[in-house]
């Protein structure tokens, strides 16, 4: 990478947040940022830290949109409940799914904001990409990510994970996200490294490293 440089660890997430805030809106007045990657790769943790760096940006977790019966077939629900209202500059209302009771709960408001993060497996799917200002991909091999996720969820979720792995394989085979990522986010023991992705770059050939924070583990 020519002219590449590394930002000081303590300022990297702030620099990324600044970059995202300066983007033109992509969904009505909102800069919609996708955070995708394999299950267990650390998307939720990263999205939470990035949201803090953005001054408390809302985070939509796709686990609230998916369900046991529709692990990946939730596109219409996301578009109808969230994307279309935000595109009109209106407050979205979505019904979060409860994975314990296996039912959708009461509607939850999601008002337009300067930046909204959409976090979860499939956040960079084909139907959502036209509405994204940037797509970030958590760069962790699927074997490592799935092992971390299974360790996190314990033995009681072993059967669910067996079905999930097959469903995720099918999803990314049919509708891959990583080739369209603008930035790759690599988890480090105490932070992240942010690199240009296959679809673009984070600036003039720059990469960013963040540390001095919580572990990147889920």
N, C-alpha and C. Protein backbone atom coordinates (compact mmCIF):
# COMPACT_ATOMS: atom_id res chain seq x y z
N UNK A 1 0.83 -1.17 0.00
CA UNK A 1 0.00 0.00 0.00
C UNK A 1 0.88 1.24 0.00
N UNK A 2 0.84 2.04 -1.00
CA UNK A 2 1.66 3.24 -1.05
C UNK A 2 1.08 4.32 -0.16
N UNK A 3 1.96 5.09 0.46
CA UNK A 3 1.55 6.21 1.31
C UNK A 3 0.66 5.76 2.46
N UNK A 4 0.78 4.53 2.88
CA UNK A 4 -0.05 4.08 3.99
C UNK A 4 0.54 4.58 5.28
N UNK A 5 -0.34 4.78 6.27
CA UNK A 5 0.15 5.20 7.56
C UNK A 5 -0.78 4.67 8.64
N UNK A 6 -0.29 4.68 9.86
CA UNK A 6 -1.02 4.11 10.97
C UNK A 6 -1.33 5.21 11.98
N UNK A 7 -2.59 5.30 12.40
CA UNK A 7 -2.96 6.32 13.37
C UNK A 7 -2.65 5.84 14.78
N UNK A 8 -2.44 6.79 15.69
CA UNK A 8 -2.19 6.44 17.08
C UNK A 8 -3.36 5.61 17.61
N UNK A 9 -3.07 4.56 18.39
CA UNK A 9 -4.12 3.65 18.85
C UNK A 9 -5.30 4.33 19.52
N UNK A 10 -5.04 5.31 20.36
CA UNK A 10 -6.12 5.92 21.13
C UNK A 10 -7.06 6.75 20.26
N UNK A 11 -6.65 7.11 19.06
CA UNK A 11 -7.46 8.00 18.23
C UNK A 11 -8.11 7.29 17.05
N UNK A 12 -7.87 5.99 16.89
CA UNK A 12 -8.33 5.32 15.68
C UNK A 12 -9.85 5.25 15.57
N UNK A 13 -10.54 4.83 16.63
CA UNK A 13 -12.00 4.78 16.54
C UNK A 13 -12.59 6.17 16.38
N UNK A 14 -11.99 7.15 17.00
CA UNK A 14 -12.45 8.53 16.82
C UNK A 14 -12.28 8.96 15.37
N UNK A 15 -11.15 8.56 14.76
CA UNK A 15 -10.91 8.90 13.35
C UNK A 15 -11.92 8.21 12.45
N UNK A 16 -12.23 6.95 12.74
CA UNK A 16 -13.22 6.24 11.95
C UNK A 16 -14.59 6.90 12.11
N UNK A 17 -14.94 7.27 13.33
CA UNK A 17 -16.22 7.94 13.57
C UNK A 17 -16.28 9.25 12.79
N UNK A 18 -15.18 10.00 12.78
CA UNK A 18 -15.13 11.26 12.04
C UNK A 18 -15.34 11.01 10.55
N UNK A 19 -14.70 9.97 10.03
CA UNK A 19 -14.85 9.63 8.62
C UNK A 19 -16.31 9.31 8.29
N UNK A 20 -16.97 8.54 9.16
CA UNK A 20 -18.34 8.14 8.89
C UNK A 20 -19.30 9.31 9.00
N UNK A 21 -19.07 10.21 9.96
CA UNK A 21 -19.94 11.38 10.11
C UNK A 21 -19.85 12.31 8.92
N UNK A 22 -18.70 12.30 8.24
CA UNK A 22 -18.51 13.21 7.11
C UNK A 22 -19.06 12.66 5.79
N UNK A 23 -19.58 11.44 5.79
CA UNK A 23 -20.13 10.87 4.58
C UNK A 23 -21.47 11.52 4.24
N UNK A 24 -21.84 11.53 2.97
CA UNK A 24 -23.19 12.02 2.64
C UNK A 24 -24.24 11.02 3.12
N UNK A 25 -25.43 11.49 3.46
CA UNK A 25 -26.50 10.58 3.88
C UNK A 25 -26.79 9.55 2.79
N UNK A 26 -27.20 8.36 3.24
CA UNK A 26 -27.43 7.26 2.29
C UNK A 26 -28.85 6.72 2.34
N UNK A 27 -29.59 7.07 3.40
CA UNK A 27 -30.95 6.55 3.59
C UNK A 27 -31.79 7.68 4.17
N UNK A 28 -32.38 8.50 3.31
CA UNK A 28 -33.01 9.71 3.79
C UNK A 28 -31.94 10.60 4.41
N UNK A 29 -32.14 11.08 5.64
CA UNK A 29 -31.14 11.93 6.29
C UNK A 29 -30.05 11.14 7.02
N UNK A 30 -30.12 9.82 6.95
CA UNK A 30 -29.27 8.95 7.77
C UNK A 30 -28.08 8.43 6.98
N UNK A 31 -26.93 8.40 7.65
CA UNK A 31 -25.77 7.66 7.14
C UNK A 31 -25.86 6.26 7.75
N UNK A 32 -26.31 5.31 6.97
CA UNK A 32 -26.51 3.95 7.45
C UNK A 32 -25.22 3.17 7.26
N UNK A 33 -24.66 2.62 8.33
CA UNK A 33 -23.40 1.90 8.29
C UNK A 33 -23.64 0.43 8.61
N UNK A 34 -23.29 -0.46 7.70
CA UNK A 34 -23.43 -1.88 7.92
C UNK A 34 -22.19 -2.45 8.59
N UNK A 35 -22.40 -3.29 9.60
CA UNK A 35 -21.31 -4.01 10.28
C UNK A 35 -21.62 -5.49 10.14
N UNK A 36 -20.91 -6.15 9.24
CA UNK A 36 -21.18 -7.55 8.91
C UNK A 36 -19.97 -8.41 9.26
N UNK A 37 -20.15 -9.71 9.21
CA UNK A 37 -19.10 -10.66 9.50
C UNK A 37 -19.72 -11.96 9.95
N UNK A 38 -18.90 -12.97 10.11
CA UNK A 38 -19.41 -14.27 10.54
C UNK A 38 -19.92 -14.20 11.98
N UNK A 39 -20.87 -15.07 12.31
CA UNK A 39 -21.36 -15.14 13.69
C UNK A 39 -20.20 -15.44 14.62
N UNK A 40 -20.12 -14.68 15.71
CA UNK A 40 -19.04 -14.87 16.67
C UNK A 40 -17.80 -14.07 16.40
N UNK A 41 -17.81 -13.22 15.36
CA UNK A 41 -16.61 -12.48 14.99
C UNK A 41 -16.39 -11.22 15.82
N UNK A 42 -17.37 -10.82 16.61
CA UNK A 42 -17.21 -9.65 17.46
C UNK A 42 -17.93 -8.41 16.97
N UNK A 43 -18.95 -8.58 16.12
CA UNK A 43 -19.65 -7.44 15.54
C UNK A 43 -20.35 -6.59 16.59
N UNK A 44 -21.02 -7.24 17.53
CA UNK A 44 -21.78 -6.50 18.53
C UNK A 44 -20.87 -5.66 19.41
N UNK A 45 -19.75 -6.24 19.85
CA UNK A 45 -18.80 -5.51 20.67
C UNK A 45 -18.23 -4.32 19.91
N UNK A 46 -17.81 -4.56 18.68
CA UNK A 46 -17.25 -3.49 17.87
C UNK A 46 -18.27 -2.39 17.61
N UNK A 47 -19.49 -2.78 17.23
CA UNK A 47 -20.53 -1.79 16.94
C UNK A 47 -20.82 -0.93 18.17
N UNK A 48 -20.80 -1.54 19.35
CA UNK A 48 -21.02 -0.77 20.56
C UNK A 48 -19.94 0.26 20.81
N UNK A 49 -18.68 -0.13 20.58
CA UNK A 49 -17.58 0.81 20.77
C UNK A 49 -17.60 1.92 19.72
N UNK A 50 -17.93 1.56 18.49
CA UNK A 50 -18.02 2.56 17.44
C UNK A 50 -19.18 3.52 17.70
N UNK A 51 -20.30 2.99 18.19
CA UNK A 51 -21.43 3.84 18.52
C UNK A 51 -21.06 4.85 19.59
N UNK A 52 -20.27 4.41 20.58
CA UNK A 52 -19.81 5.34 21.62
C UNK A 52 -18.93 6.42 21.01
N UNK A 53 -18.03 6.02 20.10
CA UNK A 53 -17.15 7.00 19.46
C UNK A 53 -17.94 7.99 18.62
N UNK A 54 -19.11 7.58 18.18
CA UNK A 54 -19.99 8.45 17.39
C UNK A 54 -20.90 9.29 18.28
N UNK A 55 -20.67 9.25 19.58
CA UNK A 55 -21.48 10.05 20.49
C UNK A 55 -22.81 9.45 20.84
N UNK A 56 -22.90 8.11 20.80
CA UNK A 56 -24.14 7.44 21.15
C UNK A 56 -25.04 7.17 19.96
N UNK A 57 -24.44 6.82 18.83
CA UNK A 57 -25.24 6.50 17.64
C UNK A 57 -26.11 5.27 17.89
N UNK A 58 -27.33 5.25 17.37
CA UNK A 58 -28.18 4.06 17.53
C UNK A 58 -27.58 2.86 16.81
N UNK A 59 -27.81 1.68 17.38
CA UNK A 59 -27.36 0.42 16.78
C UNK A 59 -28.58 -0.47 16.60
N UNK A 60 -28.86 -0.85 15.37
CA UNK A 60 -29.91 -1.83 15.09
C UNK A 60 -29.25 -3.20 14.98
N UNK A 61 -29.61 -4.11 15.89
CA UNK A 61 -29.07 -5.46 15.88
C UNK A 61 -29.97 -6.35 15.02
N UNK A 62 -29.40 -6.99 14.03
CA UNK A 62 -30.22 -7.82 13.14
C UNK A 62 -30.76 -9.05 13.84
N UNK A 63 -30.20 -9.40 15.01
CA UNK A 63 -30.80 -10.47 15.82
C UNK A 63 -32.23 -10.09 16.24
N UNK A 64 -32.53 -8.79 16.28
CA UNK A 64 -33.89 -8.35 16.61
C UNK A 64 -34.83 -8.46 15.42
N UNK A 65 -34.27 -8.58 14.23
CA UNK A 65 -35.08 -8.65 13.01
C UNK A 65 -35.28 -10.10 12.57
N UNK A 66 -34.25 -10.92 12.76
CA UNK A 66 -34.32 -12.33 12.38
C UNK A 66 -35.16 -13.11 13.40
N UNK A 67 -35.37 -14.39 13.11
CA UNK A 67 -36.11 -15.26 14.03
C UNK A 67 -35.66 -16.70 13.80
N UNK A 68 -36.12 -17.60 14.66
CA UNK A 68 -35.79 -19.02 14.47
C UNK A 68 -36.27 -19.53 13.12
N UNK A 69 -37.44 -19.06 12.69
CA UNK A 69 -38.01 -19.53 11.43
C UNK A 69 -37.44 -18.80 10.22
N UNK A 70 -36.82 -17.64 10.45
CA UNK A 70 -36.27 -16.83 9.36
C UNK A 70 -34.88 -16.34 9.75
N UNK A 71 -33.94 -17.26 9.75
CA UNK A 71 -32.58 -16.87 10.13
C UNK A 71 -32.02 -15.82 9.19
N UNK A 72 -32.36 -15.93 7.90
CA UNK A 72 -31.86 -14.97 6.92
C UNK A 72 -32.95 -14.41 6.01
N UNK A 73 -34.16 -14.94 6.08
CA UNK A 73 -35.24 -14.50 5.19
C UNK A 73 -36.03 -13.35 5.80
N UNK A 74 -35.29 -12.31 6.24
CA UNK A 74 -35.93 -11.19 6.92
C UNK A 74 -35.83 -9.89 6.13
N UNK A 75 -35.43 -9.95 4.87
CA UNK A 75 -35.22 -8.74 4.09
C UNK A 75 -36.45 -7.86 4.03
N UNK A 76 -37.60 -8.44 3.72
CA UNK A 76 -38.82 -7.63 3.58
C UNK A 76 -39.18 -6.95 4.89
N UNK A 77 -38.99 -7.65 6.02
CA UNK A 77 -39.31 -7.05 7.31
C UNK A 77 -38.39 -5.86 7.61
N UNK A 78 -37.11 -6.02 7.32
CA UNK A 78 -36.17 -4.93 7.55
C UNK A 78 -36.49 -3.73 6.66
N UNK A 79 -36.74 -3.99 5.39
CA UNK A 79 -37.04 -2.89 4.47
C UNK A 79 -38.33 -2.18 4.87
N UNK A 80 -39.36 -2.95 5.20
CA UNK A 80 -40.65 -2.35 5.51
C UNK A 80 -40.68 -1.63 6.85
N UNK A 81 -40.08 -2.23 7.87
CA UNK A 81 -40.18 -1.66 9.21
C UNK A 81 -39.13 -0.59 9.49
N UNK A 82 -37.97 -0.68 8.81
CA UNK A 82 -36.87 0.20 9.16
C UNK A 82 -36.42 1.08 7.99
N UNK A 83 -36.04 0.47 6.89
CA UNK A 83 -35.39 1.22 5.81
C UNK A 83 -36.35 2.23 5.17
N UNK A 84 -37.53 1.81 4.82
CA UNK A 84 -38.45 2.71 4.13
C UNK A 84 -38.84 3.91 5.00
N UNK A 85 -39.19 3.73 6.28
CA UNK A 85 -39.48 4.93 7.09
C UNK A 85 -38.28 5.86 7.22
N UNK A 86 -37.08 5.31 7.45
CA UNK A 86 -35.90 6.17 7.56
C UNK A 86 -35.65 6.90 6.25
N UNK A 87 -35.87 6.23 5.14
CA UNK A 87 -35.65 6.85 3.83
C UNK A 87 -36.57 8.05 3.64
N UNK A 88 -37.76 8.00 4.26
CA UNK A 88 -38.70 9.12 4.18
C UNK A 88 -38.44 10.16 5.27
N UNK A 89 -37.41 9.93 6.09
CA UNK A 89 -37.13 10.85 7.18
C UNK A 89 -38.04 10.67 8.37
N UNK A 90 -38.71 9.52 8.47
CA UNK A 90 -39.65 9.25 9.55
C UNK A 90 -39.03 8.30 10.57
N UNK A 91 -39.63 8.25 11.74
CA UNK A 91 -39.20 7.30 12.76
C UNK A 91 -39.63 5.89 12.37
N UNK A 92 -38.68 4.99 12.37
CA UNK A 92 -38.98 3.58 12.10
C UNK A 92 -39.49 2.92 13.36
N UNK A 93 -40.28 1.87 13.20
CA UNK A 93 -40.75 1.06 14.32
C UNK A 93 -40.59 -0.41 13.93
N UNK A 94 -39.82 -1.12 14.71
CA UNK A 94 -39.62 -2.55 14.43
C UNK A 94 -39.93 -3.35 15.70
N UNK A 95 -40.38 -4.58 15.48
CA UNK A 95 -40.75 -5.45 16.59
C UNK A 95 -39.58 -6.41 16.88
N UNK A 96 -38.81 -6.19 17.95
CA UNK A 96 -37.66 -7.05 18.22
C UNK A 96 -38.08 -8.47 18.59
N UNK A 97 -37.33 -9.42 18.08
CA UNK A 97 -37.61 -10.83 18.31
C UNK A 97 -36.95 -11.29 19.61
N UNK A 98 -37.70 -12.05 20.41
CA UNK A 98 -37.18 -12.62 21.66
C UNK A 98 -36.80 -14.08 21.38
N UNK A 99 -35.50 -14.37 21.43
CA UNK A 99 -35.01 -15.70 21.08
C UNK A 99 -35.31 -16.74 22.15
N UNK A 100 -35.73 -16.30 23.33
CA UNK A 100 -36.11 -17.25 24.37
C UNK A 100 -37.59 -17.65 24.25
N UNK A 101 -38.44 -16.64 24.09
CA UNK A 101 -39.87 -16.94 24.00
C UNK A 101 -40.31 -17.26 22.57
N UNK A 102 -39.43 -17.01 21.61
CA UNK A 102 -39.70 -17.29 20.19
C UNK A 102 -40.90 -16.49 19.68
N UNK A 103 -40.97 -15.23 20.06
CA UNK A 103 -42.03 -14.38 19.55
C UNK A 103 -41.51 -12.94 19.43
N UNK A 104 -42.18 -12.16 18.58
CA UNK A 104 -41.82 -10.76 18.41
C UNK A 104 -42.48 -9.92 19.49
N UNK A 105 -41.74 -8.95 20.00
CA UNK A 105 -42.24 -8.10 21.06
C UNK A 105 -42.93 -6.86 20.53
N UNK A 106 -43.27 -5.93 21.43
CA UNK A 106 -43.93 -4.69 21.01
C UNK A 106 -43.00 -3.83 20.18
N UNK A 107 -43.53 -3.00 19.31
CA UNK A 107 -42.70 -2.16 18.44
C UNK A 107 -41.76 -1.25 19.24
N UNK A 108 -40.57 -1.07 18.69
CA UNK A 108 -39.55 -0.22 19.29
C UNK A 108 -39.22 0.89 18.29
N UNK A 109 -39.21 2.15 18.72
CA UNK A 109 -38.94 3.25 17.79
C UNK A 109 -37.46 3.36 17.46
N UNK A 110 -37.18 3.75 16.23
CA UNK A 110 -35.81 4.05 15.78
C UNK A 110 -35.88 5.35 14.98
N UNK A 111 -35.70 6.50 15.65
CA UNK A 111 -35.78 7.78 14.95
C UNK A 111 -34.59 7.97 14.02
N UNK A 112 -34.73 8.79 13.00
CA UNK A 112 -33.58 9.12 12.16
C UNK A 112 -32.47 9.76 13.01
N UNK A 113 -31.23 9.48 12.67
CA UNK A 113 -30.07 10.04 13.36
C UNK A 113 -29.00 10.28 12.31
N UNK A 114 -28.01 11.13 12.61
CA UNK A 114 -26.96 11.36 11.62
C UNK A 114 -26.28 10.09 11.16
N UNK A 115 -26.02 9.16 12.10
CA UNK A 115 -25.43 7.86 11.78
C UNK A 115 -26.19 6.79 12.54
N UNK A 116 -26.57 5.73 11.86
CA UNK A 116 -27.17 4.55 12.48
C UNK A 116 -26.36 3.33 12.03
N UNK A 117 -25.97 2.50 12.99
CA UNK A 117 -25.24 1.27 12.69
C UNK A 117 -26.22 0.11 12.58
N UNK A 118 -26.08 -0.70 11.54
CA UNK A 118 -26.86 -1.93 11.38
C UNK A 118 -25.88 -3.08 11.52
N UNK A 119 -26.03 -3.83 12.59
CA UNK A 119 -25.03 -4.84 12.97
C UNK A 119 -25.64 -6.24 12.93
N UNK A 120 -24.94 -7.16 12.25
CA UNK A 120 -25.39 -8.55 12.25
C UNK A 120 -24.97 -9.25 10.98
N UNK A 121 -25.06 -10.57 11.03
CA UNK A 121 -24.73 -11.37 9.85
C UNK A 121 -25.73 -11.06 8.75
N UNK A 122 -25.26 -10.62 7.62
CA UNK A 122 -26.13 -10.25 6.52
C UNK A 122 -26.39 -8.77 6.40
N UNK A 123 -25.71 -7.95 7.22
CA UNK A 123 -25.91 -6.50 7.14
C UNK A 123 -25.46 -5.94 5.81
N UNK A 124 -24.60 -6.67 5.10
CA UNK A 124 -24.14 -6.22 3.80
C UNK A 124 -24.81 -6.95 2.65
N UNK A 125 -25.98 -7.49 2.89
CA UNK A 125 -26.66 -8.24 1.83
C UNK A 125 -27.05 -7.33 0.67
N UNK A 126 -27.30 -7.97 -0.45
CA UNK A 126 -27.55 -7.27 -1.72
C UNK A 126 -28.68 -6.25 -1.60
N UNK A 127 -29.76 -6.61 -0.93
CA UNK A 127 -30.92 -5.73 -0.85
C UNK A 127 -30.69 -4.52 0.03
N UNK A 128 -29.71 -4.60 0.94
CA UNK A 128 -29.46 -3.51 1.87
C UNK A 128 -28.35 -2.57 1.40
N UNK A 129 -27.43 -3.08 0.59
CA UNK A 129 -26.26 -2.28 0.20
C UNK A 129 -26.60 -0.94 -0.44
N UNK A 130 -27.66 -0.82 -1.28
CA UNK A 130 -27.95 0.50 -1.86
C UNK A 130 -28.28 1.56 -0.82
N UNK A 131 -28.63 1.16 0.39
CA UNK A 131 -29.02 2.11 1.42
C UNK A 131 -27.87 2.41 2.39
N UNK A 132 -26.72 1.75 2.22
CA UNK A 132 -25.60 1.91 3.13
C UNK A 132 -24.65 3.00 2.67
N UNK A 133 -24.19 3.80 3.63
CA UNK A 133 -23.13 4.76 3.33
C UNK A 133 -21.77 4.07 3.30
N UNK A 134 -21.58 3.08 4.16
CA UNK A 134 -20.37 2.26 4.17
C UNK A 134 -20.71 0.88 4.72
N UNK A 135 -19.95 -0.11 4.25
CA UNK A 135 -20.07 -1.47 4.77
C UNK A 135 -18.74 -1.87 5.40
N UNK A 136 -18.80 -2.26 6.68
CA UNK A 136 -17.62 -2.72 7.41
C UNK A 136 -17.74 -4.22 7.62
N UNK A 137 -16.63 -4.93 7.46
CA UNK A 137 -16.61 -6.39 7.62
C UNK A 137 -15.62 -6.77 8.72
N UNK A 138 -16.08 -7.54 9.72
CA UNK A 138 -15.21 -8.04 10.77
C UNK A 138 -14.36 -9.17 10.20
N UNK A 139 -13.08 -8.92 10.09
CA UNK A 139 -12.17 -9.82 9.38
C UNK A 139 -11.65 -10.90 10.32
N UNK A 140 -12.43 -11.98 10.45
CA UNK A 140 -12.06 -13.13 11.25
C UNK A 140 -12.51 -14.38 10.50
N UNK A 141 -11.62 -15.37 10.31
CA UNK A 141 -12.01 -16.58 9.57
C UNK A 141 -13.24 -17.23 10.20
N UNK A 142 -14.07 -17.82 9.36
CA UNK A 142 -15.33 -18.36 9.88
C UNK A 142 -15.11 -19.45 10.92
N UNK A 143 -14.06 -20.26 10.77
CA UNK A 143 -13.82 -21.32 11.76
C UNK A 143 -13.56 -20.71 13.13
N UNK A 144 -12.75 -19.65 13.18
CA UNK A 144 -12.44 -19.00 14.45
C UNK A 144 -13.67 -18.30 15.02
N UNK A 145 -14.41 -17.63 14.15
CA UNK A 145 -15.60 -16.90 14.62
C UNK A 145 -16.63 -17.87 15.18
N UNK A 146 -16.91 -18.95 14.45
CA UNK A 146 -17.91 -19.91 14.92
C UNK A 146 -17.47 -20.58 16.22
N UNK A 147 -16.17 -20.88 16.35
CA UNK A 147 -15.67 -21.48 17.59
C UNK A 147 -15.89 -20.53 18.77
N UNK A 148 -15.61 -19.25 18.56
CA UNK A 148 -15.82 -18.25 19.61
C UNK A 148 -17.30 -18.15 19.97
N UNK A 149 -18.15 -18.13 18.94
CA UNK A 149 -19.58 -18.02 19.19
C UNK A 149 -20.13 -19.21 19.95
N UNK A 150 -19.70 -20.40 19.59
CA UNK A 150 -20.17 -21.61 20.28
C UNK A 150 -19.67 -21.66 21.72
N UNK A 151 -18.44 -21.22 21.94
CA UNK A 151 -17.92 -21.16 23.30
C UNK A 151 -18.72 -20.16 24.13
N UNK A 152 -19.04 -19.02 23.53
CA UNK A 152 -19.82 -17.99 24.22
C UNK A 152 -21.20 -18.48 24.60
N UNK A 153 -21.87 -19.21 23.70
CA UNK A 153 -23.26 -19.57 23.91
C UNK A 153 -23.44 -20.86 24.71
N UNK A 154 -22.40 -21.66 24.83
CA UNK A 154 -22.48 -22.84 25.69
C UNK A 154 -23.12 -24.05 25.04
N UNK A 155 -23.10 -25.13 25.80
CA UNK A 155 -23.56 -26.43 25.32
C UNK A 155 -25.05 -26.42 24.97
N UNK A 156 -25.83 -25.62 25.69
CA UNK A 156 -27.29 -25.64 25.47
C UNK A 156 -27.67 -25.13 24.09
N UNK A 157 -26.76 -24.39 23.43
CA UNK A 157 -27.04 -23.87 22.09
C UNK A 157 -26.35 -24.69 20.99
N UNK A 158 -25.86 -25.86 21.35
CA UNK A 158 -25.10 -26.65 20.37
C UNK A 158 -25.94 -27.03 19.17
N UNK A 159 -27.17 -27.44 19.39
CA UNK A 159 -28.04 -27.84 18.28
C UNK A 159 -28.36 -26.64 17.40
N UNK A 160 -28.63 -25.49 18.03
CA UNK A 160 -28.92 -24.30 17.24
C UNK A 160 -27.72 -23.94 16.36
N UNK A 161 -26.51 -24.01 16.92
CA UNK A 161 -25.33 -23.64 16.16
C UNK A 161 -25.10 -24.56 14.97
N UNK A 162 -25.42 -25.83 15.11
CA UNK A 162 -25.26 -26.76 13.99
C UNK A 162 -26.12 -26.33 12.81
N UNK A 163 -27.36 -25.91 13.10
CA UNK A 163 -28.23 -25.42 12.04
C UNK A 163 -27.80 -24.06 11.52
N UNK A 164 -27.31 -23.22 12.46
CA UNK A 164 -26.89 -21.88 12.05
C UNK A 164 -25.73 -21.93 11.07
N UNK A 165 -24.73 -22.73 11.36
CA UNK A 165 -23.54 -22.80 10.50
C UNK A 165 -23.94 -23.15 9.07
N UNK A 166 -24.82 -24.11 8.91
CA UNK A 166 -25.25 -24.47 7.56
C UNK A 166 -26.01 -23.34 6.90
N UNK A 167 -26.87 -22.66 7.67
CA UNK A 167 -27.65 -21.56 7.11
C UNK A 167 -26.74 -20.40 6.72
N UNK A 168 -25.73 -20.12 7.55
CA UNK A 168 -24.81 -19.01 7.23
C UNK A 168 -23.99 -19.34 5.99
N UNK A 169 -23.54 -20.58 5.89
CA UNK A 169 -22.79 -20.99 4.69
C UNK A 169 -23.63 -20.75 3.43
N UNK A 170 -24.90 -21.18 3.48
CA UNK A 170 -25.77 -21.01 2.32
C UNK A 170 -25.98 -19.53 2.01
N UNK A 171 -26.19 -18.74 3.06
CA UNK A 171 -26.45 -17.32 2.84
C UNK A 171 -25.27 -16.64 2.14
N UNK A 172 -24.07 -16.81 2.66
CA UNK A 172 -22.93 -16.12 2.08
C UNK A 172 -22.53 -16.70 0.72
N UNK A 173 -22.88 -17.96 0.46
CA UNK A 173 -22.64 -18.52 -0.86
C UNK A 173 -23.55 -17.85 -1.90
N UNK A 174 -24.78 -17.54 -1.49
CA UNK A 174 -25.75 -16.94 -2.40
C UNK A 174 -25.68 -15.41 -2.43
N UNK A 175 -25.29 -14.81 -1.31
CA UNK A 175 -25.34 -13.35 -1.19
C UNK A 175 -24.15 -12.89 -0.34
N UNK A 176 -22.94 -12.95 -0.87
CA UNK A 176 -21.75 -12.60 -0.08
C UNK A 176 -21.69 -11.12 0.24
N UNK A 177 -21.12 -10.81 1.39
CA UNK A 177 -20.95 -9.42 1.82
C UNK A 177 -19.51 -8.94 1.70
N UNK A 178 -18.55 -9.78 2.07
CA UNK A 178 -17.17 -9.33 2.17
C UNK A 178 -16.64 -8.69 0.89
N UNK A 179 -16.94 -9.21 -0.32
CA UNK A 179 -16.41 -8.57 -1.53
C UNK A 179 -16.85 -7.12 -1.69
N UNK A 180 -17.90 -6.72 -0.99
CA UNK A 180 -18.45 -5.38 -1.14
C UNK A 180 -18.11 -4.49 0.05
N UNK A 181 -17.28 -4.98 0.95
CA UNK A 181 -16.94 -4.21 2.15
C UNK A 181 -16.01 -3.05 1.79
N UNK A 182 -16.32 -1.87 2.33
CA UNK A 182 -15.46 -0.71 2.15
C UNK A 182 -14.27 -0.74 3.09
N UNK A 183 -14.47 -1.33 4.28
CA UNK A 183 -13.42 -1.42 5.29
C UNK A 183 -13.44 -2.80 5.92
N UNK A 184 -12.25 -3.30 6.22
CA UNK A 184 -12.10 -4.55 6.96
C UNK A 184 -11.66 -4.20 8.38
N UNK A 185 -12.34 -4.75 9.36
CA UNK A 185 -12.03 -4.51 10.77
C UNK A 185 -11.48 -5.80 11.35
N UNK A 186 -10.21 -5.80 11.69
CA UNK A 186 -9.54 -7.00 12.19
C UNK A 186 -9.44 -6.93 13.71
N UNK A 187 -10.08 -7.87 14.44
CA UNK A 187 -9.96 -7.87 15.90
C UNK A 187 -8.54 -8.20 16.33
N UNK A 188 -8.05 -7.41 17.29
CA UNK A 188 -6.75 -7.64 17.90
C UNK A 188 -6.98 -8.00 19.37
N UNK A 189 -5.95 -8.46 20.07
CA UNK A 189 -6.15 -8.84 21.48
C UNK A 189 -6.74 -7.72 22.34
N UNK A 190 -6.39 -6.47 22.04
CA UNK A 190 -6.90 -5.35 22.84
C UNK A 190 -7.47 -4.24 21.98
N UNK A 191 -7.96 -4.54 20.82
CA UNK A 191 -8.53 -3.49 19.98
C UNK A 191 -8.78 -3.98 18.57
N UNK A 192 -8.62 -3.08 17.60
CA UNK A 192 -8.94 -3.38 16.22
C UNK A 192 -7.95 -2.73 15.28
N UNK A 193 -7.80 -3.34 14.13
CA UNK A 193 -7.08 -2.75 13.01
C UNK A 193 -8.09 -2.55 11.89
N UNK A 194 -8.15 -1.36 11.34
CA UNK A 194 -9.10 -1.04 10.27
C UNK A 194 -8.32 -0.83 8.98
N UNK A 195 -8.67 -1.61 7.98
CA UNK A 195 -7.95 -1.62 6.71
C UNK A 195 -8.91 -1.38 5.55
N UNK A 196 -8.40 -0.89 4.42
CA UNK A 196 -9.25 -0.76 3.24
C UNK A 196 -9.83 -2.12 2.83
N UNK A 197 -11.09 -2.12 2.44
CA UNK A 197 -11.75 -3.36 2.04
C UNK A 197 -11.73 -3.56 0.54
N UNK A 198 -12.27 -4.69 0.09
CA UNK A 198 -12.26 -4.99 -1.35
C UNK A 198 -12.98 -3.95 -2.20
N UNK A 199 -13.98 -3.27 -1.61
CA UNK A 199 -14.80 -2.35 -2.42
C UNK A 199 -14.32 -0.91 -2.36
N UNK A 200 -13.33 -0.59 -1.53
CA UNK A 200 -12.91 0.79 -1.44
C UNK A 200 -11.78 0.94 -0.45
N UNK A 201 -11.60 2.15 0.05
CA UNK A 201 -10.56 2.42 1.01
C UNK A 201 -11.06 3.40 2.03
N UNK A 202 -10.37 3.49 3.16
CA UNK A 202 -10.77 4.37 4.24
C UNK A 202 -10.26 5.78 4.05
N UNK A 203 -9.60 6.05 2.95
CA UNK A 203 -9.03 7.38 2.73
C UNK A 203 -7.86 7.23 1.78
N UNK A 204 -6.88 8.11 1.87
CA UNK A 204 -5.73 8.04 0.96
C UNK A 204 -4.78 6.93 1.38
N UNK A 205 -5.21 5.68 1.11
CA UNK A 205 -4.40 4.51 1.41
C UNK A 205 -4.01 4.45 2.89
N UNK A 206 -4.98 4.65 3.76
CA UNK A 206 -4.63 4.64 5.17
C UNK A 206 -5.19 3.41 5.85
N UNK A 207 -4.51 3.00 6.91
CA UNK A 207 -5.07 2.00 7.78
C UNK A 207 -5.00 2.53 9.20
N UNK A 208 -5.90 2.02 10.05
CA UNK A 208 -6.04 2.57 11.38
C UNK A 208 -5.98 1.43 12.38
N UNK A 209 -5.36 1.67 13.50
CA UNK A 209 -5.30 0.69 14.57
C UNK A 209 -5.85 1.30 15.84
N UNK A 210 -6.69 0.54 16.53
CA UNK A 210 -7.27 1.00 17.78
C UNK A 210 -6.88 0.03 18.88
N UNK A 211 -6.48 0.54 20.00
CA UNK A 211 -6.17 -0.29 21.15
C UNK A 211 -6.53 0.43 22.42
N UNK A 212 -5.93 0.02 23.52
CA UNK A 212 -6.14 0.66 24.81
C UNK A 212 -7.61 0.64 25.20
N UNK A 213 -8.35 -0.35 24.78
CA UNK A 213 -9.75 -0.44 25.13
C UNK A 213 -10.09 -1.86 25.50
N UNK A 214 -11.39 -2.18 25.62
CA UNK A 214 -11.79 -3.53 25.96
C UNK A 214 -11.34 -4.52 24.89
N UNK A 215 -11.27 -5.76 25.27
CA UNK A 215 -10.91 -6.81 24.35
C UNK A 215 -11.92 -6.86 23.21
N UNK A 216 -11.47 -7.27 22.04
CA UNK A 216 -12.36 -7.38 20.89
C UNK A 216 -13.20 -8.64 20.92
N UNK A 217 -13.04 -9.48 21.93
CA UNK A 217 -13.84 -10.69 22.03
C UNK A 217 -15.28 -10.32 22.29
N UNK A 218 -16.22 -11.15 21.78
CA UNK A 218 -17.63 -10.94 22.07
C UNK A 218 -17.87 -11.14 23.57
